[in-house]
Structures are given as C-alpha cells and as structure tokens.
C-alpha atoms as a PDB file:
ATOM      1  CA  MET A   1      98.248 139.132  39.387  1.00  0.00           C
ATOM      2  CA  SER A   2     100.208 136.531  39.608  1.00  0.00           C
ATOM      3  CA  PRO A   3     103.319 136.180  41.924  1.00  0.00           C
ATOM      4  CA  SER A   4     105.076 137.796  39.692  1.00  0.00           C
ATOM      5  CA  SER A   5     102.710 140.894  38.908  1.00  0.00           C
ATOM      6  CA  TYR A   6     105.996 143.117  39.984  1.00  0.00           C
ATOM      7  CA  HIS A   7     107.556 142.502  36.928  1.00  0.00           C
ATOM      8  CA  GLU A   8     104.480 142.622  35.137  1.00  0.00           C
ATOM      9  CA  VAL A   9     104.156 145.676  37.044  1.00  0.00           C
ATOM     10  CA  ALA A  10     107.419 146.617  35.789  1.00  0.00           C
ATOM     11  CA  GLU A  11     106.864 145.687  32.475  1.00  0.00           C
ATOM     12  CA  ALA A  12     103.594 147.940  32.081  1.00  0.00           C
ATOM     13  CA  ILE A  13     105.446 150.998  33.250  1.00  0.00           C
ATOM     14  CA  ARG A  14     108.421 150.368  31.176  1.00  0.00           C
ATOM     15  CA  THR A  15     106.361 150.252  28.494  1.00  0.00           C
ATOM     16  CA  ALA A  16     104.440 153.676  29.325  1.00  0.00           C
ATOM     17  CA  ILE A  17     107.818 154.919  29.151  1.00  0.00           C
ATOM     18  CA  HIS A  18     109.302 153.862  25.690  1.00  0.00           C
ATOM     19  CA  THR A  19     105.461 154.784  24.301  1.00  0.00           C
ATOM     20  CA  GLY A  20     105.671 158.624  25.598  1.00  0.00           C
ATOM     21  CA  VAL A  21     103.012 157.996  27.899  1.00  0.00           C
ATOM     22  CA  TYR A  22     106.217 158.989  30.630  1.00  0.00           C
ATOM     23  CA  PRO A  23     108.708 161.246  28.682  1.00  0.00           C
ATOM     24  CA  ARG A  24     112.075 161.002  29.158  1.00  0.00           C
ATOM     25  CA  GLY A  25     113.442 163.542  32.254  1.00  0.00           C
ATOM     26  CA  THR A  26     109.731 163.926  33.544  1.00  0.00           C
ATOM     27  CA  LEU A  27     108.180 162.310  36.867  1.00  0.00           C
ATOM     28  CA  LEU A  28     106.696 158.923  37.262  1.00  0.00           C
ATOM     29  CA  PRO A  29     103.214 159.555  39.417  1.00  0.00           C
ATOM     30  CA  THR A  30     103.823 158.771  42.282  1.00  0.00           C
ATOM     31  CA  GLU A  31     103.837 154.936  43.849  1.00  0.00           C
ATOM     32  CA  GLU A  32     100.498 155.232  45.903  1.00  0.00           C
ATOM     33  CA  GLN A  33      99.135 156.879  42.225  1.00  0.00           C
ATOM     34  CA  LEU A  34     100.457 153.695  40.166  1.00  0.00           C
ATOM     35  CA  ALA A  35      99.743 150.978  43.015  1.00  0.00           C
ATOM     36  CA  GLU A  36      95.626 152.946  42.149  1.00  0.00           C
ATOM     37  CA  GLU A  37      96.591 153.167  38.561  1.00  0.00           C
ATOM     38  CA  LEU A  38      97.709 149.562  38.192  1.00  0.00           C
ATOM     39  CA  ALA A  39      94.768 148.363  41.117  1.00  0.00           C
ATOM     40  CA  VAL A  40      98.172 146.212  42.578  1.00  0.00           C
ATOM     41  CA  HIS A  41      99.545 146.992  45.470  1.00  0.00           C
ATOM     42  CA  ARG A  42     102.264 150.053  46.682  1.00  0.00           C
ATOM     43  CA  ALA A  43     104.661 147.564  47.714  1.00  0.00           C
ATOM     44  CA  THR A  44     104.003 145.387  44.356  1.00  0.00           C
ATOM     45  CA  VAL A  45     104.967 148.805  42.136  1.00  0.00           C
ATOM     46  CA  ASN A  46     108.305 149.753  45.196  1.00  0.00           C
ATOM     47  CA  ARG A  47     109.951 145.795  43.981  1.00  0.00           C
ATOM     48  CA  ALA A  48     108.791 147.187  40.139  1.00  0.00           C
ATOM     49  CA  LEU A  49     110.626 150.809  40.767  1.00  0.00           C
ATOM     50  CA  THR A  50     113.778 148.271  41.857  1.00  0.00           C
ATOM     51  CA  ILE A  51     113.867 146.655  38.429  1.00  0.00           C
ATOM     52  CA  LEU A  52     113.609 149.660  36.921  1.00  0.00           C
ATOM     53  CA  LYS A  53     116.129 151.663  38.364  1.00  0.00           C
ATOM     54  CA  ASN A  54     119.204 149.250  38.701  1.00  0.00           C
ATOM     55  CA  GLU A  55     117.996 149.348  34.303  1.00  0.00           C
ATOM     56  CA  GLY A  56     119.133 152.976  34.665  1.00  0.00           C
ATOM     57  CA  LEU A  57     115.552 153.388  33.303  1.00  0.00           C
ATOM     58  CA  VAL A  58     114.039 155.887  36.491  1.00  0.00           C
ATOM     59  CA  ARG A  59     116.097 157.299  38.938  1.00  0.00           C
ATOM     60  CA  VAL A  60     114.866 158.384  42.743  1.00  0.00           C
ATOM     61  CA  GLU A  61     115.751 161.720  43.874  1.00  0.00           C
ATOM     62  CA  ARG A  62     115.098 162.675  47.523  1.00  0.00           C
ATOM     63  CA  GLY A  63     112.861 164.674  48.212  1.00  0.00           C
ATOM     64  CA  VAL A  64     111.349 164.609  44.410  1.00  0.00           C
ATOM     65  CA  GLY A  65     109.799 161.722  43.152  1.00  0.00           C
ATOM     66  CA  THR A  66     110.776 159.464  39.977  1.00  0.00           C
ATOM     67  CA  ARG A  67     112.841 160.417  37.499  1.00  0.00           C
ATOM     68  CA  VAL A  68     112.849 158.978  34.223  1.00  0.00           C
ATOM     69  CA  HIS A  69     116.536 158.532  32.354  1.00  0.00           C
ATOM     70  CA  GLU A  70     116.465 161.742  30.821  1.00  0.00           C
ATOM     71  CA  LEU A  71     118.484 159.957  27.408  1.00  0.00           C
ATOM     72  CA  PRO A  72     118.100 156.322  25.968  1.00  0.00           C
ATOM     73  CA  PRO A  73     120.856 154.172  25.350  1.00  0.00           C
ATOM     74  CA  ILE A  74     123.688 155.767  22.963  1.00  0.00           C
ATOM     75  CA  LEU A  75     124.651 153.473  19.815  1.00  0.00           C
ATOM     76  CA  ARG A  76     128.385 152.760  20.132  1.00  0.00           C
ATOM     77  CA  ASP A  77     129.303 151.467  16.925  1.00  0.00           C
ATOM     78  CA  ALA A  78     132.694 150.309  16.697  1.00  0.00           C
ATOM     79  CA  ALA A  79     131.865 149.565  13.036  1.00  0.00           C
ATOM     80  CA  VAL A  80     132.248 153.211  12.078  1.00  0.00           C
ATOM     81  CA  ARG A  81     133.081 155.353  14.725  1.00  0.00           C
ATOM     82  CA  HIS A  82     137.475 154.579  14.083  1.00  0.00           C
ATOM     83  CA  SER A  83     136.780 156.648  10.353  1.00  0.00           C
ATOM     84  CA  ARG A  84     138.152 160.031  10.073  1.00  0.00           C
ATOM     85  CA  GLU A  85     135.439 160.670   7.741  1.00  0.00           C
ATOM     86  CA  HIS A  86     132.382 159.692  10.651  1.00  0.00           C
ATOM     87  CA  ARG A  87     134.927 162.090  13.642  1.00  0.00           C
ATOM     88  CA  GLU A  88     135.642 164.982  11.959  1.00  0.00           C
ATOM     89  CA  ARG A  89     132.030 165.300  10.435  1.00  0.00           C
ATOM     90  CA  GLY A  90     130.933 168.699  10.636  1.00  0.00           C
ATOM     91  CA  GLY A  91     134.034 169.790  12.695  1.00  0.00           C
ATOM     92  CA  ALA A  92     133.272 167.753  15.353  1.00  0.00           C
ATOM     93  CA  ARG A  93     135.667 166.730  17.901  1.00  0.00           C
ATOM     94  CA  GLY A  94     136.137 163.312  17.614  1.00  0.00           C
ATOM     95  CA  ALA A  95     133.692 159.971  17.817  1.00  0.00           C
ATOM     96  CA  LEU A  96     131.707 160.468  20.314  1.00  0.00           C
ATOM     97  CA  ALA A  97     130.646 164.762  19.328  1.00  0.00           C
ATOM     98  CA  SER A  98     129.097 163.775  15.827  1.00  0.00           C
ATOM     99  CA  GLU A  99     127.614 161.051  16.781  1.00  0.00           C
ATOM    100  CA  LEU A 100     126.150 162.815  19.872  1.00  0.00           C
ATOM    101  CA  VAL A 101     125.346 165.852  17.217  1.00  0.00           C
ATOM    102  CA  GLU A 102     124.082 162.883  14.474  1.00  0.00           C
ATOM    103  CA  ARG A 103     121.722 162.399  17.552  1.00  0.00           C
ATOM    104  CA  GLY A 104     121.176 166.486  18.773  1.00  0.00           C
ATOM    105  CA  TYR A 105     122.540 166.562  21.425  1.00  0.00           C
ATOM    106  CA  GLN A 106     125.083 169.411  23.004  1.00  0.00           C
ATOM    107  CA  LEU A 107     128.423 168.336  24.728  1.00  0.00           C
ATOM    108  CA  ASP A 108     130.213 169.293  27.226  1.00  0.00           C
ATOM    109  CA  SER A 109     132.963 168.047  29.832  1.00  0.00           C
ATOM    110  CA  ASP A 110     135.559 168.895  32.587  1.00  0.00           C
ATOM    111  CA  ASN A 111     138.594 168.452  31.061  1.00  0.00           C
ATOM    112  CA  THR A 112     142.618 168.136  32.989  1.00  0.00           C
ATOM    113  CA  ILE A 113     144.609 167.722  30.269  1.00  0.00           C
ATOM    114  CA  GLY A 114     149.319 167.817  31.074  1.00  0.00           C
ATOM    115  CA  PRO A 115     151.299 165.545  31.774  1.00  0.00           C
ATOM    116  CA  GLY A 116     152.110 162.561  33.990  1.00  0.00           C
ATOM    117  CA  ARG A 117     152.507 159.298  35.006  1.00  0.00           C
ATOM    118  CA  PRO A 118     150.711 156.469  33.402  1.00  0.00           C
ATOM    119  CA  PRO A 119     149.203 154.142  35.478  1.00  0.00           C
ATOM    120  CA  GLU A 120     151.447 150.831  35.073  1.00  0.00           C
ATOM    121  CA  HIS A 121     149.370 148.302  32.325  1.00  0.00           C
ATOM    122  CA  VAL A 122     149.523 151.443  30.038  1.00  0.00           C
ATOM    123  CA  ALA A 123     153.236 152.055  30.708  1.00  0.00           C
ATOM    124  CA  ASP A 124     153.690 148.439  29.832  1.00  0.00           C
ATOM    125  CA  LEU A 125     151.367 149.284  26.879  1.00  0.00           C
ATOM    126  CA  LEU A 126     152.809 152.063  25.152  1.00  0.00           C
ATOM    127  CA  GLY A 127     156.788 151.158  25.896  1.00  0.00           C
ATOM    128  CA  VAL A 128     156.937 154.524  28.139  1.00  0.00           C
ATOM    129  CA  ALA A 129     158.113 155.012  31.696  1.00  0.00           C
ATOM    130  CA  PRO A 130     156.105 153.792  34.846  1.00  0.00           C
ATOM    131  CA  ASP A 131     157.777 156.012  37.308  1.00  0.00           C
ATOM    132  CA  ALA A 132     157.544 159.858  35.756  1.00  0.00           C
ATOM    133  CA  ASP A 133     155.934 162.032  33.763  1.00  0.00           C
ATOM    134  CA  SER A 134     156.165 160.030  30.832  1.00  0.00           C
ATOM    135  CA  VAL A 135     152.596 160.775  28.908  1.00  0.00           C
ATOM    136  CA  ILE A 136     150.346 163.764  28.256  1.00  0.00           C
ATOM    137  CA  ILE A 137     146.987 162.341  30.602  1.00  0.00           C
ATOM    138  CA  ARG A 138     143.488 163.896  29.167  1.00  0.00           C
ATOM    139  CA  ALA A 139     141.198 163.420  31.419  1.00  0.00           C
ATOM    140  CA  ARG A 140     137.929 164.360  30.434  1.00  0.00           C
ATOM    141  CA  ARG A 141     134.279 164.007  32.690  1.00  0.00           C
ATOM    142  CA  MET A 142     131.445 163.815  29.687  1.00  0.00           C
ATOM    143  CA  ARG A 143     127.753 164.911  29.452  1.00  0.00           C
ATOM    144  CA  ALA A 144     125.095 165.024  26.377  1.00  0.00           C
ATOM    145  CA  ASP A 145     122.550 167.549  26.888  1.00  0.00           C
ATOM    146  CA  GLY A 146     124.123 167.709  31.217  1.00  0.00           C
ATOM    147  CA  VAL A 147     123.449 164.556  31.817  1.00  0.00           C
ATOM    148  CA  PRO A 148     126.818 162.371  32.684  1.00  0.00           C
ATOM    149  CA  ILE A 149     127.270 159.492  30.351  1.00  0.00           C
ATOM    150  CA  GLN A 150     131.367 158.283  30.200  1.00  0.00           C
ATOM    151  CA  ILE A 151     134.825 159.147  32.015  1.00  0.00           C
ATOM    152  CA  VAL A 152     137.558 158.606  29.625  1.00  0.00           C
ATOM    153  CA  THR A 153     141.278 158.742  30.240  1.00  0.00           C
ATOM    154  CA  SER A 154     144.232 159.116  27.107  1.00  0.00           C
ATOM    155  CA  TYR A 155     147.664 158.414  27.326  1.00  0.00           C
ATOM    156  CA  ILE A 156     150.036 159.256  24.385  1.00  0.00           C
ATOM    157  CA  PRO A 157     153.610 159.529  25.158  1.00  0.00           C
ATOM    158  CA  ARG A 158     155.231 162.913  25.527  1.00  0.00           C
ATOM    159  CA  THR A 159     158.236 161.975  22.803  1.00  0.00           C
ATOM    160  CA  ILE A 160     154.615 162.156  20.166  1.00  0.00           C
ATOM    161  CA  ALA A 161     152.254 164.815  22.253  1.00  0.00           C
ATOM    162  CA  ASP A 162     154.576 167.759  23.475  1.00  0.00           C
ATOM    163  CA  GLY A 163     154.156 170.463  21.496  1.00  0.00           C
ATOM    164  CA  THR A 164     151.279 169.698  19.574  1.00  0.00           C
ATOM    165  CA  PRO A 165     147.561 169.849  20.347  1.00  0.00           C
ATOM    166  CA  ILE A 166     147.027 166.270  21.417  1.00  0.00           C
ATOM    167  CA  ALA A 167     148.601 168.288  24.505  1.00  0.00           C
ATOM    168  CA  GLU A 168     146.019 171.418  24.205  1.00  0.00           C
ATOM    169  CA  GLN A 169     142.471 172.096  25.542  1.00  0.00           C
ATOM    170  CA  ASP A 170     141.989 171.797  22.137  1.00  0.00           C
ATOM    171  CA  PRO A 171     142.730 169.095  19.681  1.00  0.00           C
ATOM    172  CA  GLY A 172     140.573 169.661  16.731  1.00  0.00           C
ATOM    173  CA  ALA A 173     138.488 168.172  14.499  1.00  0.00           C
ATOM    174  CA  GLY A 174     138.757 164.685  14.790  1.00  0.00           C
ATOM    175  CA  GLY A 175     140.782 164.647  18.225  1.00  0.00           C
ATOM    176  CA  ILE A 176     143.804 162.860  19.040  1.00  0.00           C
ATOM    177  CA  SER A 177     143.453 160.148  16.228  1.00  0.00           C
ATOM    178  CA  SER A 178     143.745 163.097  13.545  1.00  0.00           C
ATOM    179  CA  ARG A 179     146.273 164.646  14.744  1.00  0.00           C
ATOM    180  CA  LEU A 180     148.346 161.270  15.492  1.00  0.00           C
ATOM    181  CA  ALA A 181     147.258 160.139  11.903  1.00  0.00           C
ATOM    182  CA  GLU A 182     149.023 163.948  10.821  1.00  0.00           C
ATOM    183  CA  LEU A 183     152.204 163.134  13.078  1.00  0.00           C
ATOM    184  CA  GLY A 184     153.089 160.240  11.126  1.00  0.00           C
ATOM    185  CA  HIS A 185     151.889 157.686  14.302  1.00  0.00           C
ATOM    186  CA  ALA A 186     148.438 156.766  12.269  1.00  0.00           C
ATOM    187  CA  GLN A 187     145.709 154.254  14.148  1.00  0.00           C
ATOM    188  CA  ALA A 188     146.291 150.801  11.534  1.00  0.00           C
ATOM    189  CA  GLU A 189     144.208 148.357  13.913  1.00  0.00           C
ATOM    190  CA  ILE A 190     141.913 149.556  17.226  1.00  0.00           C
ATOM    191  CA  GLU A 191     142.228 146.660  20.342  1.00  0.00           C
ATOM    192  CA  GLU A 192     139.522 146.848  22.874  1.00  0.00           C
ATOM    193  CA  ARG A 193     140.014 144.610  26.403  1.00  0.00           C
ATOM    194  CA  ILE A 194     136.223 145.252  28.052  1.00  0.00           C
ATOM    195  CA  ARG A 195     135.118 144.132  31.802  1.00  0.00           C
ATOM    196  CA  VAL A 196     132.128 144.901  33.666  1.00  0.00           C
ATOM    197  CA  ARG A 197     132.272 145.462  37.600  1.00  0.00           C
ATOM    198  CA  PRO A 198     131.030 148.289  40.151  1.00  0.00           C
ATOM    199  CA  PRO A 199     131.824 151.858  40.176  1.00  0.00           C
ATOM    200  CA  LEU A 200     134.176 153.240  42.047  1.00  0.00           C
ATOM    201  CA  PRO A 201     132.767 155.561  44.186  1.00  0.00           C
ATOM    202  CA  GLU A 202     134.084 158.602  42.423  1.00  0.00           C
ATOM    203  CA  GLU A 203     132.746 157.526  39.307  1.00  0.00           C
ATOM    204  CA  ARG A 204     129.548 156.678  40.896  1.00  0.00           C
ATOM    205  CA  ARG A 205     129.014 160.180  42.519  1.00  0.00           C
ATOM    206  CA  PHE A 206     129.519 161.805  38.717  1.00  0.00           C
ATOM    207  CA  LEU A 207     127.800 159.241  36.479  1.00  0.00           C
ATOM    208  CA  ARG A 208     124.839 159.486  39.497  1.00  0.00           C
ATOM    209  CA  MET A 209     124.568 155.182  40.138  1.00  0.00           C
ATOM    210  CA  SER A 210     123.306 153.552  42.336  1.00  0.00           C
ATOM    211  CA  SER A 211     125.335 150.924  43.979  1.00  0.00           C
ATOM    212  CA  GLU A 212     123.404 148.260  41.760  1.00  0.00           C
ATOM    213  CA  GLN A 213     124.337 149.641  38.393  1.00  0.00           C
ATOM    214  CA  TRP A 214     127.468 148.339  37.092  1.00  0.00           C
ATOM    215  CA  VAL A 215     130.222 149.565  34.094  1.00  0.00           C
ATOM    216  CA  TYR A 216     131.186 148.859  31.627  1.00  0.00           C
ATOM    217  CA  ASP A 217     135.300 149.200  31.974  1.00  0.00           C
ATOM    218  CA  ILE A 218     136.875 149.570  28.046  1.00  0.00           C
ATOM    219  CA  VAL A 219     140.123 149.611  27.849  1.00  0.00           C
ATOM    220  CA  HIS A 220     141.056 150.989  23.604  1.00  0.00           C
ATOM    221  CA  ILE A 221     144.336 150.394  22.570  1.00  0.00           C
ATOM    222  CA  GLY A 222     145.731 152.057  18.844  1.00  0.00           C
ATOM    223  CA  TRP A 223     148.290 150.265  17.300  1.00  0.00           C
ATOM    224  CA  THR A 224     150.007 151.469  14.197  1.00  0.00           C
ATOM    225  CA  ALA A 225     150.826 149.435  11.475  1.00  0.00           C
ATOM    226  CA  ASP A 226     154.174 148.978  12.631  1.00  0.00           C
ATOM    227  CA  ASP A 227     152.501 147.276  15.607  1.00  0.00           C
ATOM    228  CA  ARG A 228     153.141 150.203  18.281  1.00  0.00           C
ATOM    229  CA  ALA A 229     151.078 151.243  20.586  1.00  0.00           C
ATOM    230  CA  VAL A 230     150.375 155.306  20.320  1.00  0.00           C
ATOM    231  CA  LYS A 231     147.590 155.827  22.029  1.00  0.00           C
ATOM    232  CA  VAL A 232     145.821 154.461  25.581  1.00  0.00           C
ATOM    233  CA  ASN A 233     142.001 154.834  25.996  1.00  0.00           C
ATOM    234  CA  THR A 234     140.294 153.930  29.301  1.00  0.00           C
ATOM    235  CA  TYR A 235     135.913 154.690  29.470  1.00  0.00           C
ATOM    236  CA  ILE A 236     133.994 153.761  31.630  1.00  0.00           C
ATOM    237  CA  LEU A 237     130.919 153.570  30.471  1.00  0.00           C
ATOM    238  CA  PRO A 238     127.267 152.760  32.532  1.00  0.00           C
ATOM    239  CA  ILE A 239     125.903 149.954  31.117  1.00  0.00           C
ATOM    240  CA  TYR A 240     121.634 151.243  30.594  1.00  0.00           C
ATOM    241  CA  GLN A 241     123.359 153.851  28.805  1.00  0.00           C
ATOM    242  CA  TRP A 242     125.448 152.055  26.096  1.00  0.00           C
ATOM    243  CA  ASP A 243     124.703 149.873  23.534  1.00  0.00           C
ATOM    244  CA  LEU A 244     128.155 148.476  22.159  1.00  0.00           C
ATOM    245  CA  ARG A 245     128.152 146.959  18.848  1.00  0.00           C
ATOM    246  CA  TYR A 246     131.028 145.506  17.197  1.00  0.00           C
ATOM    247  CA  ARG A 247     131.225 143.750  13.395  1.00  0.00           C
ATOM    248  CA  TYR A 248     134.401 142.188  11.813  1.00  0.00           C
ATOM    249  CA  ARG A 249     135.587 140.364   9.280  1.00  0.00           C
ATOM    250  CA  ILE A 250     136.347 136.543   9.494  1.00  0.00           C
ATOM    251  CA  ASP A 251     138.094 133.778   7.012  1.00  0.00           C
ATOM    252  CA  PRO A 252     134.931 132.193   6.024  1.00  0.00           C
ATOM    253  CA  ALA A 253     136.676 128.719   5.357  1.00  0.00           C
END
C-alpha cells in the first residue's frame, strides 16, 4: 500500500461498517485479526482505528475491545422541527422525542427541574436578574436507546413558568414550546448561535467522548412576535452524532 495506507485501511473499515459487515453496536475484530484480513501491519490498523475513533464511528472499551458506535448520525432539521405538528406528533414531549420515535429509538433522560439562577448571558437575553432565582431551569441529559446523545438546559422566566406545566417533570405533549404558546407567549422566531469546542470533563464523561472529539455548543433563543425572548436552551451535542440542517428564505433580488 501507499504511505497513506492507514487512511485506506480506515476507509475499508468505514465501508464495512456502513454496509453492515460490522453492524452497529458490535465489536470489531481485534487489531491483529484486522491486520491479517487487510494484509497490513498492526500499527497501520491502530492508526486507522484512531481516525475512526475521532470520527465517533467506533470507541475503545478497556478490557473489551473496539465497538462500532450504536447510533448513526441523527438529523436535526431546523426547517421542520419547530412546528407544533412535528413536536406533538404521537403525543411526543417535544421535537427530539418526535424525531427519535420516527426513527424507532426510545428516548430517556435524567431531568433536574426547578428555580435557579441563569448564567449572565442568558439573563441578559431573557431580561431577568442574574443574581436571583429568576428562571425555571430544566436540565436534561438525554439518551436514545440507552446511548447518550445530548445535554440540554432550558431557561424560562419564572414570571411565565411558575405554576404551569413548564415547571413540572412532564410538561405535556409538545413540551415547553407548546405550553408557552398556550400561555400567550408563542415563539415567532428562532435564533441559534453555534460554536464548536472541546467538551468539558463532565460533558465528556456523560457523552462517552474522547478528549480529541468536539461538541456543538448551541444557544437556542425563542423570540415572540413582539421581540421578547421567552426561552433560552443550551444544547451540547457530539459533532459525530448529529447532522445539522438549516433552510431559510432569502431575498431573491
């Protein structure tokens, strides 16, 4: 093989995963076995697997082996996910729940909900005090079929959320966006501010990421027709696990 043979080995293993030779969630053959199958040195296989690990296609489990990541990338389609019909489909508790059910996945999450102090940039957006328990915070660590996929924290002013299902464990069909609409705070515009960065240690532990992998850090703001921010969500998403899609109208002139 050429000097770039480890890239070719990575592509061969990648293709085998995508075509089902090595199914999702299963262990790959050992490095020695792969080296024999592909007629290359074990060191070449090791470098190839490092590429695939950084892509999120496989992960190393100490004392077990190298496992193919269980889930293919999830499409997060901003053009459709914020419609009420989409987020309430089948009684779903929001856009993500609806999307995962459509793909045959089971969603579960660890939820912490209650009054709290917002970060300063969130307080500025919502027009609330940063040094008081001025918001309801909904902190969720979410999994699809048991696989960690995202960390989401929602901030809603207590002047809106107190005494409503928004402050409860189960906000009802459609999640907090549908409850905001029913309370007279329908979101007319969505803004998302996206950056990429290495995960923080606690994020890396929950999301089962390596230090070489990065996350999307998304600040999602819901604006009403009178230009008031009524909800701020922060999303932490492993880049390898998500495909982001945006479509919007432009001036044709």
